[in-house]
Amino acid sequence: MSGTGTIIRLFTVPGCGKCRALKASIEARGWTCQEVNVAGSFGALREMVRLSGAREVPVAVVGDAVVVGPDVAALDRLLEKRT
């Protein structure tokens, strides 16, 4: 499945291997990814925690659904439901 037209907001920090791997998987599937660096912005960090309840990255947000961690299978299932 690719090209859903859905934008995935991906909260990351520089140097995070799991973040890079998840972003690469998202892009390899043809999905659109908007990366948000929480290390450089307290506002972005606060938003990530508000949306996910998590203080770890990566966090992927699709609409009102949240996936914490590098769980590509969960994103697959989530985006499958949206098409």
PDB file of N, CA and C in Angstrom:
ATOM      1  N   MET A   1       0.844  -1.164   0.000  1.00  0.00           N
ATOM      2  CA  MET A   1       0.000   0.000   0.000  1.00  0.00           C
ATOM      3  C   MET A   1       0.888   1.225   0.000  1.00  0.00           C
ATOM      4  N   SER A   2       0.590   2.204  -0.837  1.00  0.00           N
ATOM      5  CA  SER A   2       1.372   3.429  -0.838  1.00  0.00           C
ATOM      6  C   SER A   2       0.522   4.572  -1.336  1.00  0.00           C
ATOM      7  N   GLY A   3       1.028   5.791  -1.080  1.00  0.00           N
ATOM      8  CA  GLY A   3       0.363   6.961  -1.610  1.00  0.00           C
ATOM      9  C   GLY A   3      -1.031   7.179  -1.061  1.00  0.00           C
ATOM     10  N   THR A   4      -1.212   7.058   0.231  1.00  0.00           N
ATOM     11  CA  THR A   4      -2.531   7.206   0.831  1.00  0.00           C
ATOM     12  C   THR A   4      -3.018   8.636   0.812  1.00  0.00           C
ATOM     13  N   GLY A   5      -2.127   9.600   0.614  1.00  0.00           N
ATOM     14  CA  GLY A   5      -2.503  10.999   0.700  1.00  0.00           C
ATOM     15  C   GLY A   5      -2.550  11.496   2.129  1.00  0.00           C
ATOM     16  N   THR A   6      -2.355  10.611   3.059  1.00  0.00           N
ATOM     17  CA  THR A   6      -2.352  10.945   4.476  1.00  0.00           C
ATOM     18  C   THR A   6      -0.963  11.406   4.881  1.00  0.00           C
ATOM     19  N   ILE A   7      -0.909  12.462   5.677  1.00  0.00           N
ATOM     20  CA  ILE A   7       0.379  12.949   6.172  1.00  0.00           C
ATOM     21  C   ILE A   7       0.628  12.368   7.555  1.00  0.00           C
ATOM     22  N   ILE A   8       1.790  11.769   7.716  1.00  0.00           N
ATOM     23  CA  ILE A   8       2.208  11.227   9.003  1.00  0.00           C
ATOM     24  C   ILE A   8       3.127  12.249   9.650  1.00  0.00           C
ATOM     25  N   ARG A   9       2.741  12.742  10.817  1.00  0.00           N
ATOM     26  CA  ARG A   9       3.626  13.637  11.578  1.00  0.00           C
ATOM     27  C   ARG A   9       4.530  12.748  12.410  1.00  0.00           C
ATOM     28  N   LEU A  10       5.820  12.878  12.222  1.00  0.00           N
ATOM     29  CA  LEU A  10       6.790  12.026  12.884  1.00  0.00           C
ATOM     30  C   LEU A  10       7.654  12.864  13.816  1.00  0.00           C
ATOM     31  N   PHE A  11       7.473  12.672  15.113  1.00  0.00           N
ATOM     32  CA  PHE A  11       8.250  13.386  16.129  1.00  0.00           C
ATOM     33  C   PHE A  11       9.544  12.624  16.358  1.00  0.00           C
ATOM     34  N   THR A  12      10.678  13.326  16.214  1.00  0.00           N
ATOM     35  CA  THR A  12      11.996  12.699  16.271  1.00  0.00           C
ATOM     36  C   THR A  12      12.977  13.584  17.030  1.00  0.00           C
ATOM     37  N   VAL A  13      14.172  13.045  17.226  1.00  0.00           N
ATOM     38  CA  VAL A  13      15.315  13.828  17.691  1.00  0.00           C
ATOM     39  C   VAL A  13      16.511  13.467  16.808  1.00  0.00           C
ATOM     40  N   PRO A  14      17.442  14.395  16.622  1.00  0.00           N
ATOM     41  CA  PRO A  14      18.628  14.103  15.819  1.00  0.00           C
ATOM     42  C   PRO A  14      19.436  12.947  16.431  1.00  0.00           C
ATOM     43  N   GLY A  15      20.000  12.131  15.565  1.00  0.00           N
ATOM     44  CA  GLY A  15      20.852  11.045  16.022  1.00  0.00           C
ATOM     45  C   GLY A  15      20.111   9.808  16.498  1.00  0.00           C
ATOM     46  N   CYS A  16      18.797   9.779  16.376  1.00  0.00           N
ATOM     47  CA  CYS A  16      17.990   8.642  16.830  1.00  0.00           C
ATOM     48  C   CYS A  16      17.899   7.608  15.715  1.00  0.00           C
ATOM     49  N   GLY A  17      18.525   6.467  15.921  1.00  0.00           N
ATOM     50  CA  GLY A  17      18.515   5.404  14.916  1.00  0.00           C
ATOM     51  C   GLY A  17      17.122   4.870  14.633  1.00  0.00           C
ATOM     52  N   LYS A  18      16.312   4.718  15.667  1.00  0.00           N
ATOM     53  CA  LYS A  18      14.937   4.226  15.487  1.00  0.00           C
ATOM     54  C   LYS A  18      14.108   5.236  14.691  1.00  0.00           C
ATOM     55  N   CYS A  19      14.361   6.509  14.941  1.00  0.00           N
ATOM     56  CA  CYS A  19      13.658   7.571  14.202  1.00  0.00           C
ATOM     57  C   CYS A  19      14.019   7.519  12.722  1.00  0.00           C
ATOM     58  N   ARG A  20      15.321   7.407  12.437  1.00  0.00           N
ATOM     59  CA  ARG A  20      15.780   7.338  11.039  1.00  0.00           C
ATOM     60  C   ARG A  20      15.207   6.118  10.342  1.00  0.00           C
ATOM     61  N   ALA A  21      15.201   4.975  11.033  1.00  0.00           N
ATOM     62  CA  ALA A  21      14.690   3.742  10.433  1.00  0.00           C
ATOM     63  C   ALA A  21      13.194   3.852  10.137  1.00  0.00           C
ATOM     64  N   LEU A  22      12.432   4.428  11.064  1.00  0.00           N
ATOM     65  CA  LEU A  22      10.996   4.564  10.843  1.00  0.00           C
ATOM     66  C   LEU A  22      10.726   5.544   9.699  1.00  0.00           C
ATOM     67  N   LYS A  23      11.447   6.649   9.664  1.00  0.00           N
ATOM     68  CA  LYS A  23      11.267   7.620   8.577  1.00  0.00           C
ATOM     69  C   LYS A  23      11.587   6.973   7.235  1.00  0.00           C
ATOM     70  N   ALA A  24      12.651   6.192   7.173  1.00  0.00           N
ATOM     71  CA  ALA A  24      13.023   5.509   5.929  1.00  0.00           C
ATOM     72  C   ALA A  24      11.935   4.527   5.502  1.00  0.00           C
ATOM     73  N   SER A  25      11.363   3.810   6.457  1.00  0.00           N
ATOM     74  CA  SER A  25      10.281   2.859   6.149  1.00  0.00           C
ATOM     75  C   SER A  25       9.044   3.586   5.642  1.00  0.00           C
ATOM     76  N   ILE A  26       8.729   4.706   6.261  1.00  0.00           N
ATOM     77  CA  ILE A  26       7.574   5.512   5.837  1.00  0.00           C
ATOM     78  C   ILE A  26       7.771   5.990   4.404  1.00  0.00           C
ATOM     79  N   GLU A  27       8.932   6.543   4.131  1.00  0.00           N
ATOM     80  CA  GLU A  27       9.215   7.071   2.791  1.00  0.00           C
ATOM     81  C   GLU A  27       9.300   5.962   1.748  1.00  0.00           C
ATOM     82  N   ALA A  28       9.832   4.793   2.120  1.00  0.00           N
ATOM     83  CA  ALA A  28       9.935   3.668   1.186  1.00  0.00           C
ATOM     84  C   ALA A  28       8.554   3.173   0.759  1.00  0.00           C
ATOM     85  N   ARG A  29       7.561   3.369   1.605  1.00  0.00           N
ATOM     86  CA  ARG A  29       6.196   2.968   1.282  1.00  0.00           C
ATOM     87  C   ARG A  29       5.451   4.038   0.481  1.00  0.00           C
ATOM     88  N   GLY A  30       6.099   5.166   0.250  1.00  0.00           N
ATOM     89  CA  GLY A  30       5.471   6.224  -0.519  1.00  0.00           C
ATOM     90  C   GLY A  30       4.544   7.105   0.290  1.00  0.00           C
ATOM     91  N   TRP A  31       4.613   6.999   1.597  1.00  0.00           N
ATOM     92  CA  TRP A  31       3.777   7.817   2.465  1.00  0.00           C
ATOM     93  C   TRP A  31       4.432   9.179   2.661  1.00  0.00           C
ATOM     94  N   THR A  32       3.621  10.179   2.946  1.00  0.00           N
ATOM     95  CA  THR A  32       4.124  11.522   3.182  1.00  0.00           C
ATOM     96  C   THR A  32       4.417  11.690   4.667  1.00  0.00           C
ATOM     97  N   CYS A  33       5.613  12.187   4.961  1.00  0.00           N
ATOM     98  CA  CYS A  33       6.065  12.314   6.342  1.00  0.00           C
ATOM     99  C   CYS A  33       6.442  13.756   6.627  1.00  0.00           C
ATOM    100  N   GLN A  34       5.901  14.308   7.708  1.00  0.00           N
ATOM    101  CA  GLN A  34       6.288  15.632   8.175  1.00  0.00           C
ATOM    102  C   GLN A  34       7.072  15.421   9.465  1.00  0.00           C
ATOM    103  N   GLU A  35       8.384  15.608   9.401  1.00  0.00           N
ATOM    104  CA  GLU A  35       9.235  15.357  10.564  1.00  0.00           C
ATOM    105  C   GLU A  35       9.252  16.578  11.482  1.00  0.00           C
ATOM    106  N   VAL A  36       9.097  16.315  12.785  1.00  0.00           N
ATOM    107  CA  VAL A  36       9.097  17.364  13.797  1.00  0.00           C
ATOM    108  C   VAL A  36      10.201  17.052  14.801  1.00  0.00           C
ATOM    109  N   ASN A  37      11.212  17.921  14.873  1.00  0.00           N
ATOM    110  CA  ASN A  37      12.336  17.736  15.784  1.00  0.00           C
ATOM    111  C   ASN A  37      11.953  18.281  17.161  1.00  0.00           C
ATOM    112  N   VAL A  38      11.789  17.392  18.128  1.00  0.00           N
ATOM    113  CA  VAL A  38      11.386  17.826  19.470  1.00  0.00           C
ATOM    114  C   VAL A  38      12.573  18.275  20.308  1.00  0.00           C
ATOM    115  N   ALA A  39      13.789  17.980  19.862  1.00  0.00           N
ATOM    116  CA  ALA A  39      14.970  18.383  20.629  1.00  0.00           C
ATOM    117  C   ALA A  39      15.171  19.892  20.584  1.00  0.00           C
ATOM    118  N   GLY A  40      14.774  20.499  19.495  1.00  0.00           N
ATOM    119  CA  GLY A  40      15.018  21.920  19.332  1.00  0.00           C
ATOM    120  C   GLY A  40      13.838  22.808  19.688  1.00  0.00           C
ATOM    121  N   SER A  41      12.750  22.200  20.143  1.00  0.00           N
ATOM    122  CA  SER A  41      11.548  22.993  20.379  1.00  0.00           C
ATOM    123  C   SER A  41      10.752  22.444  21.561  1.00  0.00           C
ATOM    124  N   PHE A  42      10.696  23.230  22.631  1.00  0.00           N
ATOM    125  CA  PHE A  42       9.911  22.813  23.785  1.00  0.00           C
ATOM    126  C   PHE A  42       8.438  22.702  23.410  1.00  0.00           C
ATOM    127  N   GLY A  43       7.962  23.580  22.533  1.00  0.00           N
ATOM    128  CA  GLY A  43       6.570  23.527  22.090  1.00  0.00           C
ATOM    129  C   GLY A  43       6.254  22.230  21.370  1.00  0.00           C
ATOM    130  N   ALA A  44       7.173  21.776  20.509  1.00  0.00           N
ATOM    131  CA  ALA A  44       6.973  20.515  19.791  1.00  0.00           C
ATOM    132  C   ALA A  44       7.000  19.337  20.758  1.00  0.00           C
ATOM    133  N   LEU A  45       7.908  19.375  21.730  1.00  0.00           N
ATOM    134  CA  LEU A  45       7.966  18.316  22.737  1.00  0.00           C
ATOM    135  C   LEU A  45       6.671  18.270  23.540  1.00  0.00           C
ATOM    136  N   ARG A  46       6.193  19.417  23.943  1.00  0.00           N
ATOM    137  CA  ARG A  46       4.950  19.495  24.714  1.00  0.00           C
ATOM    138  C   ARG A  46       3.780  18.946  23.899  1.00  0.00           C
ATOM    139  N   GLU A  47       3.735  19.283  22.606  1.00  0.00           N
ATOM    140  CA  GLU A  47       2.671  18.772  21.739  1.00  0.00           C
ATOM    141  C   GLU A  47       2.752  17.256  21.605  1.00  0.00           C
ATOM    142  N   MET A  48       3.966  16.713  21.429  1.00  0.00           N
ATOM    143  CA  MET A  48       4.137  15.269  21.312  1.00  0.00           C
ATOM    144  C   MET A  48       3.638  14.557  22.570  1.00  0.00           C
ATOM    145  N   VAL A  49       4.003  15.080  23.729  1.00  0.00           N
ATOM    146  CA  VAL A  49       3.573  14.465  24.999  1.00  0.00           C
ATOM    147  C   VAL A  49       2.060  14.576  25.153  1.00  0.00           C
ATOM    148  N   ARG A  50       1.494  15.705  24.766  1.00  0.00           N
ATOM    149  CA  ARG A  50       0.039  15.883  24.861  1.00  0.00           C
ATOM    150  C   ARG A  50      -0.688  14.884  23.965  1.00  0.00           C
ATOM    151  N   LEU A  51      -0.182  14.678  22.757  1.00  0.00           N
ATOM    152  CA  LEU A  51      -0.831  13.770  21.815  1.00  0.00           C
ATOM    153  C   LEU A  51      -0.648  12.303  22.172  1.00  0.00           C
ATOM    154  N   SER A  52       0.532  11.959  22.680  1.00  0.00           N
ATOM    155  CA  SER A  52       0.876  10.542  22.844  1.00  0.00           C
ATOM    156  C   SER A  52       0.973  10.077  24.287  1.00  0.00           C
ATOM    157  N   GLY A  53       1.210  11.013  25.201  1.00  0.00           N
ATOM    158  CA  GLY A  53       1.475  10.613  26.578  1.00  0.00           C
ATOM    159  C   GLY A  53       2.877  10.070  26.752  1.00  0.00           C
ATOM    160  N   ALA A  54       3.667  10.071  25.689  1.00  0.00           N
ATOM    161  CA  ALA A  54       5.009   9.483  25.721  1.00  0.00           C
ATOM    162  C   ALA A  54       6.076  10.567  25.743  1.00  0.00           C
ATOM    163  N   ARG A  55       7.187  10.221  26.353  1.00  0.00           N
ATOM    164  CA  ARG A  55       8.361  11.097  26.357  1.00  0.00           C
ATOM    165  C   ARG A  55       9.522  10.406  25.643  1.00  0.00           C
ATOM    166  N   GLU A  56       9.171   9.549  24.701  1.00  0.00           N
ATOM    167  CA  GLU A  56      10.182   8.844  23.914  1.00  0.00           C
ATOM    168  C   GLU A  56       9.860   9.016  22.440  1.00  0.00           C
ATOM    169  N   VAL A  57      10.863   8.885  21.618  1.00  0.00           N
ATOM    170  CA  VAL A  57      10.683   8.986  20.170  1.00  0.00           C
ATOM    171  C   VAL A  57      11.107   7.674  19.535  1.00  0.00           C
ATOM    172  N   PRO A  58      10.652   7.391  18.359  1.00  0.00           N
ATOM    173  CA  PRO A  58       9.769   8.186  17.523  1.00  0.00           C
ATOM    174  C   PRO A  58       8.301   8.052  17.935  1.00  0.00           C
ATOM    175  N   VAL A  59       7.542   9.083  17.604  1.00  0.00           N
ATOM    176  CA  VAL A  59       6.089   9.073  17.760  1.00  0.00           C
ATOM    177  C   VAL A  59       5.511   9.478  16.415  1.00  0.00           C
ATOM    178  N   ALA A  60       4.636   8.652  15.873  1.00  0.00           N
ATOM    179  CA  ALA A  60       3.973   8.937  14.604  1.00  0.00           C
ATOM    180  C   ALA A  60       2.515   9.261  14.878  1.00  0.00           C
ATOM    181  N   VAL A  61       2.030  10.332  14.276  1.00  0.00           N
ATOM    182  CA  VAL A  61       0.645  10.755  14.459  1.00  0.00           C
ATOM    183  C   VAL A  61      -0.025  10.812  13.093  1.00  0.00           C
ATOM    184  N   VAL A  62      -1.162  10.122  13.000  1.00  0.00           N
ATOM    185  CA  VAL A  62      -1.967  10.110  11.785  1.00  0.00           C
ATOM    186  C   VAL A  62      -3.382  10.486  12.201  1.00  0.00           C
ATOM    187  N   GLY A  63      -3.780  11.701  11.865  1.00  0.00           N
ATOM    188  CA  GLY A  63      -5.088  12.169  12.325  1.00  0.00           C
ATOM    189  C   GLY A  63      -5.107  12.208  13.837  1.00  0.00           C
ATOM    190  N   ASP A  64      -6.037  11.465  14.430  1.00  0.00           N
ATOM    191  CA  ASP A  64      -6.102  11.413  15.889  1.00  0.00           C
ATOM    192  C   ASP A  64      -5.510  10.124  16.458  1.00  0.00           C
ATOM    193  N   ALA A  65      -4.881   9.325  15.610  1.00  0.00           N
ATOM    194  CA  ALA A  65      -4.251   8.071  16.047  1.00  0.00           C
ATOM    195  C   ALA A  65      -2.753   8.289  16.248  1.00  0.00           C
ATOM    196  N   VAL A  66      -2.201   7.594  17.251  1.00  0.00           N
ATOM    197  CA  VAL A  66      -0.795   7.759  17.623  1.00  0.00           C
ATOM    198  C   VAL A  66      -0.129   6.390  17.708  1.00  0.00           C
ATOM    199  N   VAL A  67       1.082   6.309  17.164  1.00  0.00           N
ATOM    200  CA  VAL A  67       1.907   5.106  17.294  1.00  0.00           C
ATOM    201  C   VAL A  67       3.213   5.533  17.956  1.00  0.00           C
ATOM    202  N   VAL A  68       3.499   4.936  19.109  1.00  0.00           N
ATOM    203  CA  VAL A  68       4.732   5.242  19.835  1.00  0.00           C
ATOM    204  C   VAL A  68       5.743   4.142  19.548  1.00  0.00           C
ATOM    205  N   GLY A  69       6.938   4.545  19.152  1.00  0.00           N
ATOM    206  CA  GLY A  69       7.989   3.593  18.844  1.00  0.00           C
ATOM    207  C   GLY A  69       8.053   3.312  17.355  1.00  0.00           C
ATOM    208  N   PRO A  70       9.065   2.550  16.941  1.00  0.00           N
ATOM    209  CA  PRO A  70       9.297   2.302  15.516  1.00  0.00           C
ATOM    210  C   PRO A  70       8.455   1.143  14.988  1.00  0.00           C
ATOM    211  N   ASP A  71       7.136   1.216  15.154  1.00  0.00           N
ATOM    212  CA  ASP A  71       6.237   0.112  14.826  1.00  0.00           C
ATOM    213  C   ASP A  71       5.605   0.320  13.455  1.00  0.00           C
ATOM    214  N   VAL A  72       6.313  -0.101  12.413  1.00  0.00           N
ATOM    215  CA  VAL A  72       5.826   0.063  11.044  1.00  0.00           C
ATOM    216  C   VAL A  72       4.569  -0.771  10.817  1.00  0.00           C
ATOM    217  N   ALA A  73       4.489  -1.939  11.419  1.00  0.00           N
ATOM    218  CA  ALA A  73       3.304  -2.791  11.252  1.00  0.00           C
ATOM    219  C   ALA A  73       2.053  -2.080  11.777  1.00  0.00           C
ATOM    220  N   ALA A  74       2.178  -1.379  12.898  1.00  0.00           N
ATOM    221  CA  ALA A  74       1.030  -0.630  13.444  1.00  0.00           C
ATOM    222  C   ALA A  74       0.624   0.490  12.487  1.00  0.00           C
ATOM    223  N   LEU A  75       1.602   1.161  11.878  1.00  0.00           N
ATOM    224  CA  LEU A  75       1.281   2.195  10.890  1.00  0.00           C
ATOM    225  C   LEU A  75       0.613   1.591   9.667  1.00  0.00           C
ATOM    226  N   ASP A  76       1.088   0.429   9.222  1.00  0.00           N
ATOM    227  CA  ASP A  76       0.454  -0.272   8.098  1.00  0.00           C
ATOM    228  C   ASP A  76      -1.025  -0.508   8.390  1.00  0.00           C
ATOM    229  N   ARG A  77      -1.304  -1.060   9.571  1.00  0.00           N
ATOM    230  CA  ARG A  77      -2.693  -1.360   9.946  1.00  0.00           C
ATOM    231  C   ARG A  77      -3.522  -0.081  10.026  1.00  0.00           C
ATOM    232  N   LEU A  78      -2.950   0.934  10.616  1.00  0.00           N
ATOM    233  CA  LEU A  78      -3.662   2.200  10.768  1.00  0.00           C
ATOM    234  C   LEU A  78      -4.000   2.833   9.422  1.00  0.00           C
ATOM    235  N   LEU A  79      -3.044   2.856   8.524  1.00  0.00           N
ATOM    236  CA  LEU A  79      -3.278   3.474   7.225  1.00  0.00           C
ATOM    237  C   LEU A  79      -4.175   2.611   6.343  1.00  0.00           C
ATOM    238  N   GLU A  80      -4.142   1.308   6.545  1.00  0.00           N
ATOM    239  CA  GLU A  80      -5.028   0.421   5.822  1.00  0.00           C
ATOM    240  C   GLU A  80      -6.488   0.738   6.146  1.00  0.00           C
ATOM    241  N   LYS A  81      -6.759   1.054   7.401  1.00  0.00           N
ATOM    242  CA  LYS A  81      -8.119   1.397   7.835  1.00  0.00           C
ATOM    243  C   LYS A  81      -8.584   2.717   7.233  1.00  0.00           C
ATOM    244  N   ARG A  82      -7.645   3.609   6.936  1.00  0.00           N
ATOM    245  CA  ARG A  82      -7.989   4.940   6.445  1.00  0.00           C
ATOM    246  C   ARG A  82      -8.246   4.984   4.949  1.00  0.00           C
ATOM    247  N   THR A  83      -7.931   3.908   4.228  1.00  0.00           N
ATOM    248  CA  THR A  83      -8.124   3.931   2.778  1.00  0.00           C
ATOM    249  C   THR A  83      -9.418   3.279   2.383  1.00  0.00           C
TER     250      THR A  83
END
